[in-house]
Each structure stands twice: as C-alpha cells, then as structure tokens.
Amino acid sequence: MACFIAEEGGGEELFEVESSKSEKVEAVKEGVASIALLPSGSISGHFIQLPHSICYGLHGTELACERECSRGEDYRLIKLTIVDFNSGKEQAVVVECKGHDAARFHNVDQAHGWEKDIVGMVEEKHGKKKIHVSFECETLKADKAAEDHIKQFMPKLAGLDAVVNIGRMSISGLDFEAEDAGVKQTMIQ
C-alpha cells in the first residue's frame, strides 16, 4: 500500500512503502534542474526545489564502455555527483543518459559490458537506501540562448560551447545526515 502527500509546485512528496520487515518513509525531492551538457560528455548544473529553497549542485562524468554498446549511439552511463551546497557533502550515483542534446537521466539497474568497478558502483547502495534520480529535458537551449543562460547561472562554464537542458527532476534516497553518522561511527571504532 502506498500513501502520497504532495505540495503544489514541486514540493516534497512523502510516500510509504510496505515491506516484509518494516515500513519505510522516503522523501522524494521534486524540482527543476538546469544542466549544461559539455562537448566532452561531462555535465554540470543545479537542482532547485521550491518553496524549500533546496539547491544541489550536479556534476557528471561519462563512463567509458569497454565493449560496443548495443543500446544505441545516444546511450551512455554517467557518474552523477550530487552536492549539498549547505554542508559541502556529496553523494554519487550512476545514471543512464539517453538523448543527445535533449537528455533524459534515469537510474540504471545493470551495467553489463562496463568495467567491474562501474558495475560495482551501479549495484552500490549508500547506507541502506539507493539513490534514485529521474530527469527529462523540457527546454533545450543552444548557441546564444545557452551561452546567455550559462553566463547568468554558471559563469565558470562560459565559452565551452555547451547546450543547456532545463526540466523537472526528482531525487530520492539522498541522506547527507546518514553520511555523517557513518563517518562518526567509523571514527569511534
């Protein structure tokens, strides 16, 4: 059974998931992302959730495939790092990216054909929760429109000939506080 509570305008959604051992409540952060797709295959951008004024940094690097990918030329894996600007902490997840200039990101369940360390990252869970990310480009900016957007919101990327994707993004499973607890527990032992 699932129970959904949502605020208007991309607020925080809470849902309960019934499991065989216990019930879990997980927060899904929904907001808007502005992402620059760089010619090198890297990405950089921001996730913003209103009205809570949550802002995360997004940085991604393309992961090379050892074998020819049979999922199409627009398919690639990206190691996406999500940075909490308030605490400076970050968590990483591997996502699949489809689409060339108008990208879509979703979690990847398996990474056959990639190096063993990449397969390990795909299967890795942060704490007991797995991070889930979903992004769909709704607005694509290129050329002058992209450069103007980058100069205003990501000035360090100006002049790199990037395209900008803007769209709705949802993130769940992030727990920067659990990261603190894990570090403290390691220090105590």
C-alpha atoms as a PDB file:
ATOM      1  CA  MET A   1       0.000   0.000   0.000  1.00  0.00           C
ATOM      2  CA  ALA A   2       1.290   3.495  -0.807  1.00  0.00           C
ATOM      3  CA  CYS A   3       0.249   6.837   0.665  1.00  0.00           C
ATOM      4  CA  PHE A   4       1.194  10.035  -1.170  1.00  0.00           C
ATOM      5  CA  ILE A   5       1.370  13.545   0.277  1.00  0.00           C
ATOM      6  CA  ALA A   6       2.459  16.271  -2.127  1.00  0.00           C
ATOM      7  CA  GLU A   7       2.718  20.041  -2.046  1.00  0.00           C
ATOM      8  CA  GLU A   8       1.774  22.144  -5.058  1.00  0.00           C
ATOM      9  CA  GLY A   9       4.581  23.487  -7.241  1.00  0.00           C
ATOM     10  CA  GLY A  10       7.255  20.799  -6.945  1.00  0.00           C
ATOM     11  CA  GLY A  11       7.278  20.412  -3.179  1.00  0.00           C
ATOM     12  CA  GLU A  12       8.361  17.435  -1.161  1.00  0.00           C
ATOM     13  CA  GLU A  13       6.409  14.252  -1.669  1.00  0.00           C
ATOM     14  CA  LEU A  14       6.263  11.610   1.046  1.00  0.00           C
ATOM     15  CA  PHE A  15       5.196   8.079   0.436  1.00  0.00           C
ATOM     16  CA  GLU A  16       5.060   4.914   2.474  1.00  0.00           C
ATOM     17  CA  VAL A  17       6.264   1.650   1.070  1.00  0.00           C
ATOM     18  CA  GLU A  18       5.177  -1.538   2.777  1.00  0.00           C
ATOM     19  CA  SER A  19       7.904  -4.155   3.078  1.00  0.00           C
ATOM     20  CA  SER A  20       8.048  -7.617   4.570  1.00  0.00           C
ATOM     21  CA  LYS A  21      10.228  -6.464   7.501  1.00  0.00           C
ATOM     22  CA  SER A  22       9.093  -2.913   8.246  1.00  0.00           C
ATOM     23  CA  GLU A  23       7.515   0.182   6.770  1.00  0.00           C
ATOM     24  CA  LYS A  24       9.745   2.888   5.362  1.00  0.00           C
ATOM     25  CA  VAL A  25       9.001   6.532   4.675  1.00  0.00           C
ATOM     26  CA  GLU A  26      11.116   8.087   1.958  1.00  0.00           C
ATOM     27  CA  ALA A  27      11.203  11.717   0.833  1.00  0.00           C
ATOM     28  CA  VAL A  28      11.194  12.413  -2.881  1.00  0.00           C
ATOM     29  CA  LYS A  29      12.569  15.823  -3.729  1.00  0.00           C
ATOM     30  CA  GLU A  30      10.945  17.181  -6.872  1.00  0.00           C
ATOM     31  CA  GLY A  31      12.100  20.352  -8.535  1.00  0.00           C
ATOM     32  CA  VAL A  32      13.704  21.860 -11.607  1.00  0.00           C
ATOM     33  CA  ALA A  33      17.197  21.165 -12.896  1.00  0.00           C
ATOM     34  CA  SER A  34      19.303  23.308 -15.184  1.00  0.00           C
ATOM     35  CA  ILE A  35      22.069  21.180 -16.696  1.00  0.00           C
ATOM     36  CA  ALA A  36      24.869  22.136 -19.087  1.00  0.00           C
ATOM     37  CA  LEU A  37      25.908  19.308 -21.410  1.00  0.00           C
ATOM     38  CA  LEU A  38      29.549  19.888 -22.290  1.00  0.00           C
ATOM     39  CA  PRO A  39      31.135  18.715 -25.567  1.00  0.00           C
ATOM     40  CA  SER A  40      33.478  16.445 -23.545  1.00  0.00           C
ATOM     41  CA  GLY A  41      30.483  14.378 -22.348  1.00  0.00           C
ATOM     42  CA  SER A  42      30.560  15.853 -18.836  1.00  0.00           C
ATOM     43  CA  ILE A  43      27.602  17.632 -17.281  1.00  0.00           C
ATOM     44  CA  SER A  44      27.294  20.414 -14.720  1.00  0.00           C
ATOM     45  CA  GLY A  45      24.268  22.136 -13.265  1.00  0.00           C
ATOM     46  CA  HIS A  46      21.876  22.762 -10.411  1.00  0.00           C
ATOM     47  CA  PHE A  47      18.778  21.166  -8.896  1.00  0.00           C
ATOM     48  CA  ILE A  48      16.380  23.599  -7.200  1.00  0.00           C
ATOM     49  CA  GLN A  49      13.365  22.691  -5.099  1.00  0.00           C
ATOM     50  CA  LEU A  50      10.896  25.416  -4.183  1.00  0.00           C
ATOM     51  CA  PRO A  51       9.398  26.575  -1.839  1.00  0.00           C
ATOM     52  CA  HIS A  52      12.016  24.949   0.428  1.00  0.00           C
ATOM     53  CA  SER A  53      14.913  26.713  -1.352  1.00  0.00           C
ATOM     54  CA  ILE A  54      16.896  23.491  -1.561  1.00  0.00           C
ATOM     55  CA  CYS A  55      19.729  23.740  -4.078  1.00  0.00           C
ATOM     56  CA  TYR A  56      22.087  20.921  -5.012  1.00  0.00           C
ATOM     57  CA  GLY A  57      24.997  21.002  -7.405  1.00  0.00           C
ATOM     58  CA  LEU A  58      25.071  18.387 -10.153  1.00  0.00           C
ATOM     59  CA  HIS A  59      28.332  17.196 -11.701  1.00  0.00           C
ATOM     60  CA  GLY A  60      28.657  14.233 -14.001  1.00  0.00           C
ATOM     61  CA  THR A  61      31.322  12.436 -15.970  1.00  0.00           C
ATOM     62  CA  GLU A  62      30.708   9.963 -18.759  1.00  0.00           C
ATOM     63  CA  LEU A  63      31.834   6.405 -18.039  1.00  0.00           C
ATOM     64  CA  ALA A  64      33.623   4.658 -20.897  1.00  0.00           C
ATOM     65  CA  CYS A  65      32.327   1.300 -22.112  1.00  0.00           C
ATOM     66  CA  GLU A  66      34.902  -1.392 -22.907  1.00  0.00           C
ATOM     67  CA  ARG A  67      32.641  -3.048 -25.461  1.00  0.00           C
ATOM     68  CA  GLU A  68      30.411  -1.624 -28.147  1.00  0.00           C
ATOM     69  CA  CYS A  69      27.147  -0.566 -26.580  1.00  0.00           C
ATOM     70  CA  SER A  70      24.113  -2.252 -28.129  1.00  0.00           C
ATOM     71  CA  ARG A  71      21.641   0.236 -26.660  1.00  0.00           C
ATOM     72  CA  GLY A  72      22.100   2.882 -29.358  1.00  0.00           C
ATOM     73  CA  GLU A  73      24.532   5.670 -30.004  1.00  0.00           C
ATOM     74  CA  ASP A  74      22.658   8.092 -27.743  1.00  0.00           C
ATOM     75  CA  TYR A  75      23.002   5.780 -24.693  1.00  0.00           C
ATOM     76  CA  ARG A  76      25.720   6.354 -22.115  1.00  0.00           C
ATOM     77  CA  LEU A  77      26.360   5.941 -18.405  1.00  0.00           C
ATOM     78  CA  ILE A  78      27.180   8.942 -16.257  1.00  0.00           C
ATOM     79  CA  LYS A  79      28.557   9.032 -12.736  1.00  0.00           C
ATOM     80  CA  LEU A  80      26.384  11.811 -11.289  1.00  0.00           C
ATOM     81  CA  THR A  81      27.605  13.533  -8.127  1.00  0.00           C
ATOM     82  CA  ILE A  82      25.013  15.459  -6.125  1.00  0.00           C
ATOM     83  CA  VAL A  83      26.478  18.176  -3.890  1.00  0.00           C
ATOM     84  CA  ASP A  84      24.674  19.722  -0.904  1.00  0.00           C
ATOM     85  CA  PHE A  85      25.904  23.334  -1.028  1.00  0.00           C
ATOM     86  CA  ASN A  86      24.960  23.967   2.629  1.00  0.00           C
ATOM     87  CA  SER A  87      27.102  21.174   4.074  1.00  0.00           C
ATOM     88  CA  GLY A  88      29.575  20.639   1.235  1.00  0.00           C
ATOM     89  CA  LYS A  89      28.789  16.906   1.301  1.00  0.00           C
ATOM     90  CA  GLU A  90      28.244  14.869  -1.820  1.00  0.00           C
ATOM     91  CA  GLN A  91      26.839  11.518  -2.905  1.00  0.00           C
ATOM     92  CA  ALA A  92      27.258   9.778  -6.245  1.00  0.00           C
ATOM     93  CA  VAL A  93      25.029   7.538  -8.333  1.00  0.00           C
ATOM     94  CA  VAL A  94      25.365   6.007 -11.791  1.00  0.00           C
ATOM     95  CA  VAL A  95      22.579   7.022 -14.182  1.00  0.00           C
ATOM     96  CA  GLU A  96      21.852   6.174 -17.776  1.00  0.00           C
ATOM     97  CA  CYS A  97      21.613   9.099 -20.153  1.00  0.00           C
ATOM     98  CA  LYS A  98      19.584   8.863 -23.343  1.00  0.00           C
ATOM     99  CA  GLY A  99      19.146  11.506 -25.983  1.00  0.00           C
ATOM    100  CA  HIS A 100      21.839  13.679 -27.479  1.00  0.00           C
ATOM    101  CA  ASP A 101      21.163  17.352 -26.798  1.00  0.00           C
ATOM    102  CA  ALA A 102      17.796  16.794 -25.081  1.00  0.00           C
ATOM    103  CA  ALA A 103      18.857  14.389 -22.343  1.00  0.00           C
ATOM    104  CA  ARG A 104      16.918  12.042 -20.100  1.00  0.00           C
ATOM    105  CA  PHE A 105      18.524  10.577 -16.952  1.00  0.00           C
ATOM    106  CA  HIS A 106      17.251   7.570 -15.058  1.00  0.00           C
ATOM    107  CA  ASN A 107      18.762   5.028 -12.706  1.00  0.00           C
ATOM    108  CA  VAL A 108      20.450   2.077 -14.293  1.00  0.00           C
ATOM    109  CA  ASP A 109      19.773  -1.384 -12.916  1.00  0.00           C
ATOM    110  CA  GLN A 110      22.584  -3.244 -14.654  1.00  0.00           C
ATOM    111  CA  ALA A 111      25.761  -2.267 -16.488  1.00  0.00           C
ATOM    112  CA  HIS A 112      26.882  -5.354 -18.401  1.00  0.00           C
ATOM    113  CA  GLY A 113      29.820  -4.564 -20.678  1.00  0.00           C
ATOM    114  CA  TRP A 114      31.322  -1.932 -18.425  1.00  0.00           C
ATOM    115  CA  GLU A 115      34.348  -2.371 -16.139  1.00  0.00           C
ATOM    116  CA  LYS A 116      33.834  -4.287 -12.853  1.00  0.00           C
ATOM    117  CA  ASP A 117      34.263  -1.121 -10.749  1.00  0.00           C
ATOM    118  CA  ILE A 118      31.450   0.570 -12.707  1.00  0.00           C
ATOM    119  CA  VAL A 119      29.180  -2.463 -12.260  1.00  0.00           C
ATOM    120  CA  GLY A 120      30.017  -2.237  -8.532  1.00  0.00           C
ATOM    121  CA  MET A 121      29.043   1.456  -8.440  1.00  0.00           C
ATOM    122  CA  VAL A 122      25.717   0.637 -10.112  1.00  0.00           C
ATOM    123  CA  GLU A 123      24.979  -2.027  -7.509  1.00  0.00           C
ATOM    124  CA  GLU A 124      26.286   0.053  -4.574  1.00  0.00           C
ATOM    125  CA  LYS A 125      23.817   1.475  -2.123  1.00  0.00           C
ATOM    126  CA  HIS A 126      24.547   4.482   0.079  1.00  0.00           C
ATOM    127  CA  GLY A 127      23.682   3.349   3.577  1.00  0.00           C
ATOM    128  CA  LYS A 128      20.551   1.241   3.302  1.00  0.00           C
ATOM    129  CA  LYS A 129      18.881   3.408   0.665  1.00  0.00           C
ATOM    130  CA  LYS A 130      19.633   3.532  -3.007  1.00  0.00           C
ATOM    131  CA  ILE A 131      19.628   6.957  -4.627  1.00  0.00           C
ATOM    132  CA  HIS A 132      17.069   7.323  -7.415  1.00  0.00           C
ATOM    133  CA  VAL A 133      17.268  10.114  -9.993  1.00  0.00           C
ATOM    134  CA  SER A 134      14.927  10.998 -12.839  1.00  0.00           C
ATOM    135  CA  PHE A 135      15.307  13.939 -15.251  1.00  0.00           C
ATOM    136  CA  GLU A 136      13.568  14.813 -18.519  1.00  0.00           C
ATOM    137  CA  CYS A 137      14.603  17.782 -20.652  1.00  0.00           C
ATOM    138  CA  GLU A 138      11.634  20.086 -21.276  1.00  0.00           C
ATOM    139  CA  THR A 139      13.548  23.109 -22.615  1.00  0.00           C
ATOM    140  CA  LEU A 140      16.669  22.896 -24.749  1.00  0.00           C
ATOM    141  CA  LYS A 141      18.883  25.953 -25.141  1.00  0.00           C
ATOM    142  CA  ALA A 142      21.679  26.064 -27.707  1.00  0.00           C
ATOM    143  CA  ASP A 143      24.026  28.643 -29.222  1.00  0.00           C
ATOM    144  CA  LYS A 144      23.372  32.201 -27.958  1.00  0.00           C
ATOM    145  CA  ALA A 145      20.449  31.223 -25.687  1.00  0.00           C
ATOM    146  CA  ALA A 146      22.610  28.567 -23.999  1.00  0.00           C
ATOM    147  CA  GLU A 147      25.585  30.918 -23.655  1.00  0.00           C
ATOM    148  CA  ASP A 148      23.382  33.657 -22.120  1.00  0.00           C
ATOM    149  CA  HIS A 149      21.922  31.148 -19.636  1.00  0.00           C
ATOM    150  CA  ILE A 150      25.387  29.847 -18.744  1.00  0.00           C
ATOM    151  CA  LYS A 151      26.794  33.360 -18.251  1.00  0.00           C
ATOM    152  CA  GLN A 152      23.936  34.168 -15.865  1.00  0.00           C
ATOM    153  CA  PHE A 153      23.723  30.925 -13.856  1.00  0.00           C
ATOM    154  CA  MET A 154      27.013  29.023 -14.446  1.00  0.00           C
ATOM    155  CA  PRO A 155      29.632  31.643 -15.358  1.00  0.00           C
ATOM    156  CA  LYS A 156      32.588  29.267 -14.901  1.00  0.00           C
ATOM    157  CA  LEU A 157      31.317  27.284 -17.904  1.00  0.00           C
ATOM    158  CA  ALA A 158      31.073  30.274 -20.263  1.00  0.00           C
ATOM    159  CA  GLY A 159      32.724  29.798 -23.637  1.00  0.00           C
ATOM    160  CA  LEU A 160      32.736  25.978 -23.525  1.00  0.00           C
ATOM    161  CA  ASP A 161      30.088  25.570 -26.270  1.00  0.00           C
ATOM    162  CA  ALA A 162      27.640  23.689 -24.031  1.00  0.00           C
ATOM    163  CA  VAL A 163      23.936  23.142 -24.572  1.00  0.00           C
ATOM    164  CA  VAL A 164      21.554  23.625 -21.650  1.00  0.00           C
ATOM    165  CA  ASN A 165      18.749  21.288 -20.626  1.00  0.00           C
ATOM    166  CA  ILE A 166      16.053  22.546 -18.265  1.00  0.00           C
ATOM    167  CA  GLY A 167      13.384  20.245 -16.907  1.00  0.00           C
ATOM    168  CA  ARG A 168      11.775  18.514 -13.971  1.00  0.00           C
ATOM    169  CA  MET A 169      13.972  16.336 -11.794  1.00  0.00           C
ATOM    170  CA  SER A 170      13.169  14.060  -8.890  1.00  0.00           C
ATOM    171  CA  ILE A 171      15.702  12.690  -6.415  1.00  0.00           C
ATOM    172  CA  SER A 172      15.097  10.185  -3.625  1.00  0.00           C
ATOM    173  CA  GLY A 173      17.340   8.237  -1.275  1.00  0.00           C
ATOM    174  CA  LEU A 174      19.677  11.151  -0.518  1.00  0.00           C
ATOM    175  CA  ASP A 175      20.712  11.173   3.114  1.00  0.00           C
ATOM    176  CA  PHE A 176      23.591  13.517   3.836  1.00  0.00           C
ATOM    177  CA  GLU A 177      22.976  13.105   7.608  1.00  0.00           C
ATOM    178  CA  ALA A 178      23.461   9.317   7.378  1.00  0.00           C
ATOM    179  CA  GLU A 179      26.809  10.031   5.743  1.00  0.00           C
ATOM    180  CA  ASP A 180      27.723  11.999   8.905  1.00  0.00           C
ATOM    181  CA  ALA A 181      26.613   9.137  11.161  1.00  0.00           C
ATOM    182  CA  GLY A 182      28.715   6.651   9.170  1.00  0.00           C
ATOM    183  CA  VAL A 183      31.792   8.861   9.467  1.00  0.00           C
ATOM    184  CA  LYS A 184      31.243   9.363  13.219  1.00  0.00           C
ATOM    185  CA  GLN A 185      30.721   5.638  13.753  1.00  0.00           C
ATOM    186  CA  THR A 186      33.946   4.843  11.878  1.00  0.00           C
ATOM    187  CA  MET A 187      35.843   7.390  13.980  1.00  0.00           C
ATOM    188  CA  ILE A 188      34.544   5.876  17.259  1.00  0.00           C
ATOM    189  CA  GLN A 189      35.590   2.302  16.393  1.00  0.00           C
END
